[in-house]
PDB file of N, CA and C in Angstrom:
ATOM      1  N   UNK A   1       0.879  -1.284   0.082  1.00  0.00           N
ATOM      2  CA  UNK A   1      -0.099  -0.030  -0.060  1.00  0.00           C
ATOM      3  C   UNK A   1       0.730   1.254   0.108  1.00  0.00           C
ATOM      4  N   UNK A   2       0.328   1.981  -0.792  1.00  0.00           N
ATOM      5  CA  UNK A   2       1.372   3.437  -0.780  1.00  0.00           C
ATOM      6  C   UNK A   2       1.022   4.484   0.276  1.00  0.00           C
ATOM      7  N   UNK A   3       1.864   5.132   0.739  1.00  0.00           N
ATOM      8  CA  UNK A   3       1.286   6.060   1.977  1.00  0.00           C
ATOM      9  C   UNK A   3       0.898   7.726   1.487  1.00  0.00           C
ATOM     10  N   UNK A   4       0.466   8.092   2.661  1.00  0.00           N
ATOM     11  CA  UNK A   4      -0.591   9.146   2.281  1.00  0.00           C
ATOM     12  C   UNK A   4      -0.450  10.567   2.109  1.00  0.00           C
ATOM     13  N   UNK A   5      -1.531  11.394   2.343  1.00  0.00           N
ATOM     14  CA  UNK A   5      -1.590  12.672   1.669  1.00  0.00           C
ATOM     15  C   UNK A   5      -1.256  13.558   2.845  1.00  0.00           C
ATOM     16  N   UNK A   6      -1.992  14.071   3.514  1.00  0.00           N
ATOM     17  CA  UNK A   6      -1.729  15.680   3.996  1.00  0.00           C
ATOM     18  C   UNK A   6      -1.035  15.418   5.376  1.00  0.00           C
ATOM     19  N   UNK A   7       0.243  16.058   5.507  1.00  0.00           N
ATOM     20  CA  UNK A   7       1.049  16.011   6.461  1.00  0.00           C
ATOM     21  C   UNK A   7       0.569  16.988   7.427  1.00  0.00           C
ATOM     22  N   UNK A   8      -0.564  16.376   8.218  1.00  0.00           N
ATOM     23  CA  UNK A   8      -1.267  17.227   9.331  1.00  0.00           C
ATOM     24  C   UNK A   8      -0.519  16.537  10.542  1.00  0.00           C
ATOM     25  N   UNK A   9      -0.281  17.343  11.271  1.00  0.00           N
ATOM     26  CA  UNK A   9       0.786  16.798  12.544  1.00  0.00           C
ATOM     27  C   UNK A   9      -0.128  15.687  13.528  1.00  0.00           C
ATOM     28  N   UNK A  10       0.446  14.585  13.502  1.00  0.00           N
ATOM     29  CA  UNK A  10      -0.266  13.635  14.456  1.00  0.00           C
ATOM     30  C   UNK A  10       0.301  13.608  16.056  1.00  0.00           C
ATOM     31  N   UNK A  11       1.443  14.074  15.985  1.00  0.00           N
ATOM     32  CA  UNK A  11       1.868  14.014  17.426  1.00  0.00           C
ATOM     33  C   UNK A  11       2.808  15.277  17.470  1.00  0.00           C
ATOM     34  N   UNK A  12       3.134  15.732  18.695  1.00  0.00           N
ATOM     35  CA  UNK A  12       3.994  16.709  18.906  1.00  0.00           C
ATOM     36  C   UNK A  12       3.660  18.147  18.579  1.00  0.00           C
ATOM     37  N   UNK A  13       2.485  18.467  17.912  1.00  0.00           N
ATOM     38  CA  UNK A  13       1.951  19.962  18.033  1.00  0.00           C
ATOM     39  C   UNK A  13       1.243  20.105  19.240  1.00  0.00           C
ATOM     40  N   UNK A  14       1.350  21.196  19.663  1.00  0.00           N
ATOM     41  CA  UNK A  14       0.444  21.587  21.030  1.00  0.00           C
ATOM     42  C   UNK A  14      -0.753  21.145  20.938  1.00  0.00           C
ATOM     43  N   UNK A  15      -1.617  20.924  21.840  1.00  0.00           N
ATOM     44  CA  UNK A  15      -3.304  20.762  21.774  1.00  0.00           C
ATOM     45  C   UNK A  15      -3.955  21.912  21.268  1.00  0.00           C
ATOM     46  N   UNK A  16      -3.664  23.224  21.155  1.00  0.00           N
ATOM     47  CA  UNK A  16      -4.275  24.032  20.844  1.00  0.00           C
ATOM     48  C   UNK A  16      -4.206  24.079  19.267  1.00  0.00           C
ATOM     49  N   UNK A  17      -3.025  23.463  18.695  1.00  0.00           N
ATOM     50  CA  UNK A  17      -2.647  23.720  17.319  1.00  0.00           C
ATOM     51  C   UNK A  17      -3.458  22.509  16.842  1.00  0.00           C
ATOM     52  N   UNK A  18      -3.756  21.350  17.447  1.00  0.00           N
ATOM     53  CA  UNK A  18      -4.277  20.302  16.926  1.00  0.00           C
ATOM     54  C   UNK A  18      -5.771  20.448  16.974  1.00  0.00           C
ATOM     55  N   UNK A  19      -6.402  21.421  17.638  1.00  0.00           N
ATOM     56  CA  UNK A  19      -7.918  21.477  17.735  1.00  0.00           C
ATOM     57  C   UNK A  19      -8.264  22.451  16.640  1.00  0.00           C
ATOM     58  N   UNK A  20      -8.382  21.677  15.574  1.00  0.00           N
ATOM     59  CA  UNK A  20      -8.792  22.745  14.648  1.00  0.00           C
ATOM     60  C   UNK A  20     -10.191  22.000  14.050  1.00  0.00           C
ATOM     61  N   UNK A  21     -10.999  22.744  14.111  1.00  0.00           N
ATOM     62  CA  UNK A  21     -12.584  22.255  13.444  1.00  0.00           C
ATOM     63  C   UNK A  21     -12.195  21.865  11.993  1.00  0.00           C
ATOM     64  N   UNK A  22     -12.788  20.621  11.857  1.00  0.00           N
ATOM     65  CA  UNK A  22     -13.144  20.236  10.636  1.00  0.00           C
ATOM     66  C   UNK A  22     -11.720  19.111  10.258  1.00  0.00           C
ATOM     67  N   UNK A  23     -10.678  19.022  10.890  1.00  0.00           N
ATOM     68  CA  UNK A  23     -10.006  18.436  10.828  1.00  0.00           C
ATOM     69  C   UNK A  23      -9.598  17.190  12.011  1.00  0.00           C
ATOM     70  N   UNK A  24      -9.403  15.977  11.804  1.00  0.00           N
ATOM     71  CA  UNK A  24      -9.469  15.050  12.679  1.00  0.00           C
ATOM     72  C   UNK A  24      -7.686  14.038  12.518  1.00  0.00           C
ATOM     73  N   UNK A  25      -7.086  14.041  13.342  1.00  0.00           N
ATOM     74  CA  UNK A  25      -5.765  13.336  13.230  1.00  0.00           C
ATOM     75  C   UNK A  25      -5.907  12.056  14.211  1.00  0.00           C
ATOM     76  N   UNK A  26      -5.568  10.939  13.633  1.00  0.00           N
ATOM     77  CA  UNK A  26      -5.499   9.927  14.465  1.00  0.00           C
ATOM     78  C   UNK A  26      -4.377   9.115  14.435  1.00  0.00           C
ATOM     79  N   UNK A  27      -3.469   8.929  15.265  1.00  0.00           N
ATOM     80  CA  UNK A  27      -2.023   8.073  15.326  1.00  0.00           C
ATOM     81  C   UNK A  27      -2.550   6.668  15.427  1.00  0.00           C
ATOM     82  N   UNK A  28      -1.967   6.006  14.338  1.00  0.00           N
ATOM     83  CA  UNK A  28      -2.156   4.598  14.161  1.00  0.00           C
ATOM     84  C   UNK A  28      -1.152   3.862  14.663  1.00  0.00           C
ATOM     85  N   UNK A  29       0.290   4.179  14.863  1.00  0.00           N
ATOM     86  CA  UNK A  29       1.234   3.680  15.456  1.00  0.00           C
ATOM     87  C   UNK A  29       2.527   4.030  15.112  1.00  0.00           C
ATOM     88  N   UNK A  30       3.566   3.844  16.218  1.00  0.00           N
ATOM     89  CA  UNK A  30       4.719   4.693  16.080  1.00  0.00           C
ATOM     90  C   UNK A  30       5.563   3.638  16.421  1.00  0.00           C
ATOM     91  N   UNK A  31       7.129   3.485  15.802  1.00  0.00           N
ATOM     92  CA  UNK A  31       8.229   2.636  16.081  1.00  0.00           C
ATOM     93  C   UNK A  31       9.153   3.518  16.366  1.00  0.00           C
ATOM     94  N   UNK A  32      10.110   2.859  16.682  1.00  0.00           N
ATOM     95  CA  UNK A  32      11.661   3.757  17.031  1.00  0.00           C
ATOM     96  C   UNK A  32      12.373   2.934  15.736  1.00  0.00           C
ATOM     97  N   UNK A  33      12.502   3.617  14.782  1.00  0.00           N
ATOM     98  CA  UNK A  33      13.046   3.092  13.546  1.00  0.00           C
ATOM     99  C   UNK A  33      13.071   4.053  12.490  1.00  0.00           C
ATOM    100  N   UNK A  34      14.234   4.247  11.633  1.00  0.00           N
ATOM    101  CA  UNK A  34      15.374   3.382  11.521  1.00  0.00           C
ATOM    102  C   UNK A  34      16.176   4.353  13.200  1.00  0.00           C
ATOM    103  N   UNK A  35      17.305   3.594  13.764  1.00  0.00           N
ATOM    104  CA  UNK A  35      18.169   3.842  14.783  1.00  0.00           C
ATOM    105  C   UNK A  35      18.085   5.440  14.618  1.00  0.00           C
ATOM    106  N   UNK A  36      17.982   6.029  15.986  1.00  0.00           N
ATOM    107  CA  UNK A  36      17.889   7.709  16.135  1.00  0.00           C
ATOM    108  C   UNK A  36      16.717   8.155  15.456  1.00  0.00           C
ATOM    109  N   UNK A  37      15.965   7.746  14.907  1.00  0.00           N
ATOM    110  CA  UNK A  37      14.807   8.246  14.366  1.00  0.00           C
ATOM    111  C   UNK A  37      13.439   7.678  14.922  1.00  0.00           C
ATOM    112  N   UNK A  38      12.199   8.231  14.664  1.00  0.00           N
ATOM    113  CA  UNK A  38      10.754   7.626  14.917  1.00  0.00           C
ATOM    114  C   UNK A  38       9.708   7.770  13.688  1.00  0.00           C
ATOM    115  N   UNK A  39       9.451   6.554  13.444  1.00  0.00           N
ATOM    116  CA  UNK A  39       8.692   6.381  12.163  1.00  0.00           C
ATOM    117  C   UNK A  39       7.022   6.337  12.919  1.00  0.00           C
ATOM    118  N   UNK A  40       6.257   7.337  12.088  1.00  0.00           N
ATOM    119  CA  UNK A  40       4.848   7.758  12.827  1.00  0.00           C
ATOM    120  C   UNK A  40       3.924   7.587  11.809  1.00  0.00           C
ATOM    121  N   UNK A  41       2.850   6.436  12.177  1.00  0.00           N
ATOM    122  CA  UNK A  41       2.077   6.272  11.122  1.00  0.00           C
ATOM    123  C   UNK A  41       0.717   6.953  11.542  1.00  0.00           C
ATOM    124  N   UNK A  42      -0.247   7.522  10.195  1.00  0.00           N
ATOM    125  CA  UNK A  42      -1.304   8.372  11.151  1.00  0.00           C
ATOM    126  C   UNK A  42      -2.448   8.388  10.010  1.00  0.00           C
ATOM    127  N   UNK A  43      -3.721   8.896  10.273  1.00  0.00           N
ATOM    128  CA  UNK A  43      -4.665   9.184   9.649  1.00  0.00           C
ATOM    129  C   UNK A  43      -5.359  10.394   9.553  1.00  0.00           C
ATOM    130  N   UNK A  44      -5.384  11.127   8.552  1.00  0.00           N
ATOM    131  CA  UNK A  44      -5.776  12.609   8.640  1.00  0.00           C
ATOM    132  C   UNK A  44      -7.189  12.645   7.761  1.00  0.00           C
ATOM    133  N   UNK A  45      -7.849  13.393   8.267  1.00  0.00           N
ATOM    134  CA  UNK A  45      -9.399  13.322   8.142  1.00  0.00           C
ATOM    135  C   UNK A  45      -9.679  15.013   7.762  1.00  0.00           C
ATOM    136  N   UNK A  46      -9.555  15.779   6.701  1.00  0.00           N
ATOM    137  CA  UNK A  46     -10.385  16.847   6.574  1.00  0.00           C
ATOM    138  C   UNK A  46     -11.517  17.141   6.168  1.00  0.00           C
ATOM    139  N   UNK A  47     -12.112  17.855   6.384  1.00  0.00           N
ATOM    140  CA  UNK A  47     -13.576  18.351   5.910  1.00  0.00           C
ATOM    141  C   UNK A  47     -13.644  18.852   4.620  1.00  0.00           C
ATOM    142  N   UNK A  48     -14.493  18.582   3.897  1.00  0.00           N
ATOM    143  CA  UNK A  48     -14.772  19.376   2.588  1.00  0.00           C
ATOM    144  C   UNK A  48     -14.391  20.891   3.076  1.00  0.00           C
ATOM    145  N   UNK A  49     -13.979  21.939   2.165  1.00  0.00           N
ATOM    146  CA  UNK A  49     -13.768  23.014   2.412  1.00  0.00           C
ATOM    147  C   UNK A  49     -12.630  23.270   3.397  1.00  0.00           C
ATOM    148  N   UNK A  50     -12.004  22.522   3.901  1.00  0.00           N
ATOM    149  CA  UNK A  50     -11.157  22.908   5.591  1.00  0.00           C
ATOM    150  C   UNK A  50      -9.779  22.554   4.961  1.00  0.00           C
ATOM    151  N   UNK A  51      -8.691  23.090   5.708  1.00  0.00           N
ATOM    152  CA  UNK A  51      -7.626  23.136   5.192  1.00  0.00           C
ATOM    153  C   UNK A  51      -6.712  22.441   6.642  1.00  0.00           C
ATOM    154  N   UNK A  52      -5.461  21.883   6.395  1.00  0.00           N
ATOM    155  CA  UNK A  52      -4.884  21.469   7.357  1.00  0.00           C
ATOM    156  C   UNK A  52      -4.053  22.327   8.231  1.00  0.00           C
ATOM    157  N   UNK A  53      -4.057  23.653   7.734  1.00  0.00           N
ATOM    158  CA  UNK A  53      -3.034  24.859   8.226  1.00  0.00           C
ATOM    159  C   UNK A  53      -1.702  24.597   7.782  1.00  0.00           C
ATOM    160  N   UNK A  54      -1.076  25.353   7.652  1.00  0.00           N
ATOM    161  CA  UNK A  54       0.476  25.708   7.265  1.00  0.00           C
ATOM    162  C   UNK A  54       1.245  25.129   8.356  1.00  0.00           C
ATOM    163  N   UNK A  55       2.169  24.094   8.271  1.00  0.00           N
ATOM    164  CA  UNK A  55       3.258  23.497   9.109  1.00  0.00           C
ATOM    165  C   UNK A  55       4.129  23.165   8.453  1.00  0.00           C
ATOM    166  N   UNK A  56       5.265  22.467   9.130  1.00  0.00           N
ATOM    167  CA  UNK A  56       6.469  21.985   9.038  1.00  0.00           C
ATOM    168  C   UNK A  56       6.697  20.605   9.838  1.00  0.00           C
ATOM    169  N   UNK A  57       7.496  19.759   9.167  1.00  0.00           N
ATOM    170  CA  UNK A  57       7.911  18.533  10.085  1.00  0.00           C
ATOM    171  C   UNK A  57       9.585  18.517   9.969  1.00  0.00           C
ATOM    172  N   UNK A  58      10.085  18.043  11.125  1.00  0.00           N
ATOM    173  CA  UNK A  58      11.424  17.723  11.173  1.00  0.00           C
ATOM    174  C   UNK A  58      11.853  16.660  10.497  1.00  0.00           C
ATOM    175  N   UNK A  59      11.330  15.900   9.629  1.00  0.00           N
ATOM    176  CA  UNK A  59      11.542  14.721   8.794  1.00  0.00           C
ATOM    177  C   UNK A  59      10.613  14.717   7.791  1.00  0.00           C
ATOM    178  N   UNK A  60      11.110  13.476   6.990  1.00  0.00           N
ATOM    179  CA  UNK A  60      10.402  13.279   5.472  1.00  0.00           C
ATOM    180  C   UNK A  60       8.809  12.863   5.968  1.00  0.00           C
ATOM    181  N   UNK A  61       7.816  13.260   5.346  1.00  0.00           N
ATOM    182  CA  UNK A  61       6.398  13.115   5.359  1.00  0.00           C
ATOM    183  C   UNK A  61       6.052  12.416   4.012  1.00  0.00           C
ATOM    184  N   UNK A  62       5.447  10.902   4.092  1.00  0.00           N
ATOM    185  CA  UNK A  62       5.168  10.513   2.829  1.00  0.00           C
ATOM    186  C   UNK A  62       3.646  10.305   3.029  1.00  0.00           C
ATOM    187  N   UNK A  63       2.696  10.729   1.957  1.00  0.00           N
ATOM    188  CA  UNK A  63       1.450  10.664   1.956  1.00  0.00           C
ATOM    189  C   UNK A  63       0.853   9.838   0.962  1.00  0.00           C
ATOM    190  N   UNK A  64      -0.604   9.100   1.259  1.00  0.00           N
ATOM    191  CA  UNK A  64      -1.179   8.485   0.261  1.00  0.00           C
ATOM    192  C   UNK A  64      -2.592   8.889   0.553  1.00  0.00           C
ATOM    193  N   UNK A  65      -3.188   9.417  -0.529  1.00  0.00           N
ATOM    194  CA  UNK A  65      -4.571   9.966  -0.178  1.00  0.00           C
ATOM    195  C   UNK A  65      -5.656   8.562  -0.843  1.00  0.00           C
ATOM    196  N   UNK A  66      -6.316   8.354   0.571  1.00  0.00           N
ATOM    197  CA  UNK A  66      -7.324   7.067   0.358  1.00  0.00           C
ATOM    198  C   UNK A  66      -8.597   7.776  -0.006  1.00  0.00           C
ATOM    199  N   UNK A  67      -9.348   8.903   0.128  1.00  0.00           N
ATOM    200  CA  UNK A  67     -10.445   9.500  -0.297  1.00  0.00           C
ATOM    201  C   UNK A  67     -10.297  10.897  -0.857  1.00  0.00           C
ATOM    202  N   UNK A  68     -11.216  11.231  -1.639  1.00  0.00           N
ATOM    203  CA  UNK A  68     -11.438  12.672  -1.644  1.00  0.00           C
ATOM    204  C   UNK A  68     -10.070  13.559  -2.822  1.00  0.00           C
ATOM    205  N   UNK A  69     -10.179  14.492  -2.662  1.00  0.00           N
ATOM    206  CA  UNK A  69      -9.290  15.341  -3.259  1.00  0.00           C
ATOM    207  C   UNK A  69      -8.707  16.776  -2.691  1.00  0.00           C
ATOM    208  N   UNK A  70      -7.573  16.929  -2.885  1.00  0.00           N
ATOM    209  CA  UNK A  70      -6.839  18.009  -2.436  1.00  0.00           C
ATOM    210  C   UNK A  70      -5.844  18.808  -2.772  1.00  0.00           C
ATOM    211  N   UNK A  71      -5.988  20.000  -2.657  1.00  0.00           N
ATOM    212  CA  UNK A  71      -5.159  21.084  -3.342  1.00  0.00           C
ATOM    213  C   UNK A  71      -3.901  21.377  -2.123  1.00  0.00           C
ATOM    214  N   UNK A  72      -3.011  20.606  -2.786  1.00  0.00           N
ATOM    215  CA  UNK A  72      -1.573  20.949  -1.773  1.00  0.00           C
ATOM    216  C   UNK A  72      -0.912  21.878  -2.152  1.00  0.00           C
ATOM    217  N   UNK A  73      -0.030  22.478  -0.872  1.00  0.00           N
ATOM    218  CA  UNK A  73       0.775  23.776  -1.491  1.00  0.00           C
ATOM    219  C   UNK A  73       1.872  23.656  -0.584  1.00  0.00           C
ATOM    220  N   UNK A  74       3.444  23.909  -1.145  1.00  0.00           N
ATOM    221  CA  UNK A  74       4.281  23.974  -0.500  1.00  0.00           C
ATOM    222  C   UNK A  74       5.001  25.369  -0.841  1.00  0.00           C
ATOM    223  N   UNK A  75       5.398  26.022   0.308  1.00  0.00           N
ATOM    224  CA  UNK A  75       5.906  27.550  -0.039  1.00  0.00           C
ATOM    225  C   UNK A  75       6.684  27.707  -1.103  1.00  0.00           C
ATOM    226  N   UNK A  76       6.285  28.618  -2.217  1.00  0.00           N
ATOM    227  CA  UNK A  76       7.438  28.589  -3.298  1.00  0.00           C
ATOM    228  C   UNK A  76       7.601  27.981  -4.320  1.00  0.00           C
ATOM    229  N   UNK A  77       6.310  26.881  -4.387  1.00  0.00           N
ATOM    230  CA  UNK A  77       5.928  25.956  -5.560  1.00  0.00           C
ATOM    231  C   UNK A  77       4.431  26.388  -5.793  1.00  0.00           C
ATOM    232  N   UNK A  78       4.315  25.732  -7.236  1.00  0.00           N
ATOM    233  CA  UNK A  78       2.888  25.960  -7.612  1.00  0.00           C
ATOM    234  C   UNK A  78       1.711  24.753  -6.750  1.00  0.00           C
ATOM    235  N   UNK A  79       0.601  25.134  -6.537  1.00  0.00           N
ATOM    236  CA  UNK A  79      -0.345  24.258  -5.950  1.00  0.00           C
ATOM    237  C   UNK A  79      -0.411  22.942  -6.628  1.00  0.00           C
ATOM    238  N   UNK A  80      -0.476  21.934  -6.119  1.00  0.00           N
ATOM    239  CA  UNK A  80      -0.908  20.769  -6.591  1.00  0.00           C
ATOM    240  C   UNK A  80      -1.850  19.943  -6.244  1.00  0.00           C
ATOM    241  N   UNK A  81      -2.676  19.340  -7.285  1.00  0.00           N
ATOM    242  CA  UNK A  81      -4.044  18.598  -6.823  1.00  0.00           C
ATOM    243  C   UNK A  81      -3.866  17.069  -6.719  1.00  0.00           C
ATOM    244  N   UNK A  82      -3.913  16.359  -5.581  1.00  0.00           N
ATOM    245  CA  UNK A  82      -3.902  15.006  -5.310  1.00  0.00           C
ATOM    246  C   UNK A  82      -5.211  14.594  -5.136  1.00  0.00           C
ATOM    247  N   UNK A  83      -5.582  13.025  -5.681  1.00  0.00           N
ATOM    248  CA  UNK A  83      -6.889  12.674  -5.551  1.00  0.00           C
ATOM    249  C   UNK A  83      -6.561  11.225  -5.160  1.00  0.00           C
ATOM    250  N   UNK A  84      -7.603  10.611  -4.505  1.00  0.00           N
ATOM    251  CA  UNK A  84      -7.485   9.332  -4.298  1.00  0.00           C
ATOM    252  C   UNK A  84      -6.595   8.468  -5.201  1.00  0.00           C
ATOM    253  N   UNK A  85      -5.843   7.563  -4.511  1.00  0.00           N
ATOM    254  CA  UNK A  85      -4.574   7.029  -5.058  1.00  0.00           C
ATOM    255  C   UNK A  85      -3.417   7.769  -5.434  1.00  0.00           C
ATOM    256  N   UNK A  86      -3.473   8.729  -5.167  1.00  0.00           N
ATOM    257  CA  UNK A  86      -2.238   9.455  -5.628  1.00  0.00           C
ATOM    258  C   UNK A  86      -1.361   9.634  -4.050  1.00  0.00           C
ATOM    259  N   UNK A  87       0.132   9.690  -4.322  1.00  0.00           N
ATOM    260  CA  UNK A  87       1.171   9.437  -3.214  1.00  0.00           C
ATOM    261  C   UNK A  87       1.886  10.713  -3.593  1.00  0.00           C
ATOM    262  N   UNK A  88       2.419  11.190  -2.252  1.00  0.00           N
ATOM    263  CA  UNK A  88       3.608  12.409  -2.573  1.00  0.00           C
ATOM    264  C   UNK A  88       4.662  12.553  -1.538  1.00  0.00           C
ATOM    265  N   UNK A  89       5.579  13.037  -1.396  1.00  0.00           N
ATOM    266  CA  UNK A  89       6.522  13.259  -0.209  1.00  0.00           C
ATOM    267  C   UNK A  89       6.724  14.920  -0.134  1.00  0.00           C
ATOM    268  N   UNK A  90       6.961  15.228   1.223  1.00  0.00           N
ATOM    269  CA  UNK A  90       7.486  16.462   1.419  1.00  0.00           C
ATOM    270  C   UNK A  90       8.992  16.242   2.317  1.00  0.00           C
ATOM    271  N   UNK A  91       9.603  16.785   2.069  1.00  0.00           N
ATOM    272  CA  UNK A  91      10.776  16.846   2.477  1.00  0.00           C
ATOM    273  C   UNK A  91      10.846  17.563   3.614  1.00  0.00           C
ATOM    274  N   UNK A  92      11.774  17.401   4.763  1.00  0.00           N
ATOM    275  CA  UNK A  92      11.779  18.095   6.028  1.00  0.00           C
ATOM    276  C   UNK A  92      11.908  19.732   5.957  1.00  0.00           C
ATOM    277  N   UNK A  93      11.096  20.058   7.050  1.00  0.00           N
ATOM    278  CA  UNK A  93      11.340  21.784   7.215  1.00  0.00           C
ATOM    279  C   UNK A  93      10.568  22.701   6.075  1.00  0.00           C
ATOM    280  N   UNK A  94       9.818  21.917   4.867  1.00  0.00           N
ATOM    281  CA  UNK A  94       9.114  22.653   4.073  1.00  0.00           C
ATOM    282  C   UNK A  94       7.852  22.996   4.700  1.00  0.00           C
ATOM    283  N   UNK A  95       7.372  24.286   4.824  1.00  0.00           N
ATOM    284  CA  UNK A  95       5.721  24.573   4.896  1.00  0.00           C
ATOM    285  C   UNK A  95       5.075  24.418   3.914  1.00  0.00           C
ATOM    286  N   UNK A  96       4.139  23.740   4.645  1.00  0.00           N
ATOM    287  CA  UNK A  96       3.210  22.946   3.596  1.00  0.00           C
ATOM    288  C   UNK A  96       1.631  23.233   3.968  1.00  0.00           C
ATOM    289  N   UNK A  97       0.881  22.981   3.152  1.00  0.00           N
ATOM    290  CA  UNK A  97      -1.030  22.767   3.615  1.00  0.00           C
ATOM    291  C   UNK A  97      -1.594  22.260   2.926  1.00  0.00           C
ATOM    292  N   UNK A  98      -2.630  21.322   3.375  1.00  0.00           N
ATOM    293  CA  UNK A  98      -3.457  20.630   2.114  1.00  0.00           C
ATOM    294  C   UNK A  98      -4.974  20.914   2.673  1.00  0.00           C
ATOM    295  N   UNK A  99      -5.748  21.123   1.535  1.00  0.00           N
ATOM    296  CA  UNK A  99      -7.124  21.681   1.645  1.00  0.00           C
ATOM    297  C   UNK A  99      -7.982  20.857   0.850  1.00  0.00           C
ATOM    298  N   UNK A 100      -9.068  20.522   1.507  1.00  0.00           N
ATOM    299  CA  UNK A 100      -9.741  19.766   0.545  1.00  0.00           C
ATOM    300  C   UNK A 100     -10.704  20.016  -0.262  1.00  0.00           C
ATOM    301  N   UNK A 101     -10.615  19.869  -1.324  1.00  0.00           N
ATOM    302  CA  UNK A 101     -11.166  20.940  -2.441  1.00  0.00           C
ATOM    303  C   UNK A 101     -12.041  20.418  -3.231  1.00  0.00           C
ATOM    304  N   UNK A 102     -11.984  18.885  -3.144  1.00  0.00           N
ATOM    305  CA  UNK A 102     -13.165  18.088  -3.911  1.00  0.00           C
ATOM    306  C   UNK A 102     -14.489  18.426  -3.714  1.00  0.00           C
ATOM    307  N   UNK A 103     -15.289  17.491  -4.203  1.00  0.00           N
ATOM    308  CA  UNK A 103     -16.888  17.497  -3.778  1.00  0.00           C
ATOM    309  C   UNK A 103     -17.141  16.824  -2.232  1.00  0.00           C
ATOM    310  N   UNK A 104     -15.834  16.195  -1.648  1.00  0.00           N
ATOM    311  CA  UNK A 104     -16.327  15.790  -0.281  1.00  0.00           C
ATOM    312  C   UNK A 104     -14.750  16.042   0.431  1.00  0.00           C
ATOM    313  N   UNK A 105     -14.734  15.541   1.681  1.00  0.00           N
ATOM    314  CA  UNK A 105     -13.633  15.499   2.415  1.00  0.00           C
ATOM    315  C   UNK A 105     -12.709  14.576   1.909  1.00  0.00           C
ATOM    316  N   UNK A 106     -11.225  14.869   2.555  1.00  0.00           N
ATOM    317  CA  UNK A 106     -10.037  13.843   2.203  1.00  0.00           C
ATOM    318  C   UNK A 106      -9.757  13.294   3.581  1.00  0.00           C
ATOM    319  N   UNK A 107      -9.422  11.824   3.272  1.00  0.00           N
ATOM    320  CA  UNK A 107      -8.880  10.928   4.140  1.00  0.00           C
ATOM    321  C   UNK A 107      -7.764  10.404   3.431  1.00  0.00           C
ATOM    322  N   UNK A 108      -6.577  10.456   4.490  1.00  0.00           N
ATOM    323  CA  UNK A 108      -5.238  10.316   3.820  1.00  0.00           C
ATOM    324  C   UNK A 108      -4.367   9.548   5.187  1.00  0.00           C
ATOM    325  N   UNK A 109      -3.773   8.560   4.679  1.00  0.00           N
ATOM    326  CA  UNK A 109      -2.424   7.858   5.472  1.00  0.00           C
ATOM    327  C   UNK A 109      -1.306   8.596   5.231  1.00  0.00           C
ATOM    328  N   UNK A 110      -0.692   9.071   6.368  1.00  0.00           N
ATOM    329  CA  UNK A 110       0.337   9.641   6.470  1.00  0.00           C
ATOM    330  C   UNK A 110       1.741   8.870   7.028  1.00  0.00           C
ATOM    331  N   UNK A 111       2.718   8.992   6.822  1.00  0.00           N
ATOM    332  CA  UNK A 111       3.913   8.303   7.709  1.00  0.00           C
ATOM    333  C   UNK A 111       5.021   9.207   7.515  1.00  0.00           C
ATOM    334  N   UNK A 112       5.769   9.317   8.958  1.00  0.00           N
ATOM    335  CA  UNK A 112       6.638  10.393   9.172  1.00  0.00           C
ATOM    336  C   UNK A 112       7.682   9.749   9.516  1.00  0.00           C
ATOM    337  N   UNK A 113       8.931  10.165   9.308  1.00  0.00           N
ATOM    338  CA  UNK A 113      10.218   9.630   9.772  1.00  0.00           C
ATOM    339  C   UNK A 113      10.746  10.994   9.956  1.00  0.00           C
ATOM    340  N   UNK A 114      11.043  10.984  11.181  1.00  0.00           N
ATOM    341  CA  UNK A 114      11.510  12.170  12.436  1.00  0.00           C
ATOM    342  C   UNK A 114      12.640  11.705  13.138  1.00  0.00           C
ATOM    343  N   UNK A 115      13.693  12.748  13.425  1.00  0.00           N
ATOM    344  CA  UNK A 115      14.683  12.499  14.648  1.00  0.00           C
ATOM    345  C   UNK A 115      13.928  12.148  15.735  1.00  0.00           C
ATOM    346  N   UNK A 116      14.252  11.454  16.632  1.00  0.00           N
ATOM    347  CA  UNK A 116      13.685  10.704  17.662  1.00  0.00           C
ATOM    348  C   UNK A 116      13.813  11.949  18.732  1.00  0.00           C
ATOM    349  N   UNK A 117      12.941  12.249  19.440  1.00  0.00           N
ATOM    350  CA  UNK A 117      12.517  13.266  20.261  1.00  0.00           C
ATOM    351  C   UNK A 117      12.350  14.636  19.885  1.00  0.00           C
ATOM    352  N   UNK A 118      12.132  14.821  18.590  1.00  0.00           N
ATOM    353  CA  UNK A 118      11.556  16.367  18.059  1.00  0.00           C
ATOM    354  C   UNK A 118      10.108  15.922  18.074  1.00  0.00           C
ATOM    355  N   UNK A 119       9.408  17.266  18.093  1.00  0.00           N
ATOM    356  CA  UNK A 119       8.016  17.418  17.934  1.00  0.00           C
ATOM    357  C   UNK A 119       7.686  16.550  16.096  1.00  0.00           C
ATOM    358  N   UNK A 120       6.576  16.041  16.029  1.00  0.00           N
ATOM    359  CA  UNK A 120       6.093  15.627  14.669  1.00  0.00           C
ATOM    360  C   UNK A 120       6.025  16.760  13.738  1.00  0.00           C
ATOM    361  N   UNK A 121       5.453  17.877  14.495  1.00  0.00           N
ATOM    362  CA  UNK A 121       5.159  18.819  13.456  1.00  0.00           C
ATOM    363  C   UNK A 121       4.957  20.162  14.398  1.00  0.00           C
ATOM    364  N   UNK A 122       5.147  21.295  13.359  1.00  0.00           N
ATOM    365  CA  UNK A 122       5.159  22.575  14.218  1.00  0.00           C
ATOM    366  C   UNK A 122       4.246  23.701  13.204  1.00  0.00           C
ATOM    367  N   UNK A 123       3.276  24.108  13.755  1.00  0.00           N
ATOM    368  CA  UNK A 123       2.387  25.060  13.176  1.00  0.00           C
ATOM    369  C   UNK A 123       2.886  26.600  12.581  1.00  0.00           C
ATOM    370  N   UNK A 124       2.852  27.024  11.216  1.00  0.00           N
ATOM    371  CA  UNK A 124       3.393  28.239  10.789  1.00  0.00           C
ATOM    372  C   UNK A 124       2.486  29.384  10.621  1.00  0.00           C
ATOM    373  N   UNK A 125       2.582  30.317  11.152  1.00  0.00           N
ATOM    374  CA  UNK A 125       1.260  31.316  10.685  1.00  0.00           C
ATOM    375  C   UNK A 125       1.595  31.867   9.418  1.00  0.00           C
TER     376      UNK A 125
END
């Protein structure tokens, strides 16, 4: 199975940053691997017309869109549209945002590989 769509922080953001209306994040599992890193699997659900919010990660994000369609932006790059069945990666430190722009919400599987001890994500204004 490919891996998911929105890098919506699952662990490590503050409670306030995580409590965003229309966005649900579920941690599916974590594993200390590879050495010195942590791999975090998650499910991101974004309601129609809602965005994940601009944020960064201290490691790579691998995303696989399970349902819906999103417009995904990385600062300094043109927006891209990803639909169910599409996969993409976001390099560490890049500011990005995913918005459910199709006729329904988005559900995506995310995998983050981050340095152990660092927060999964950091919101950006």
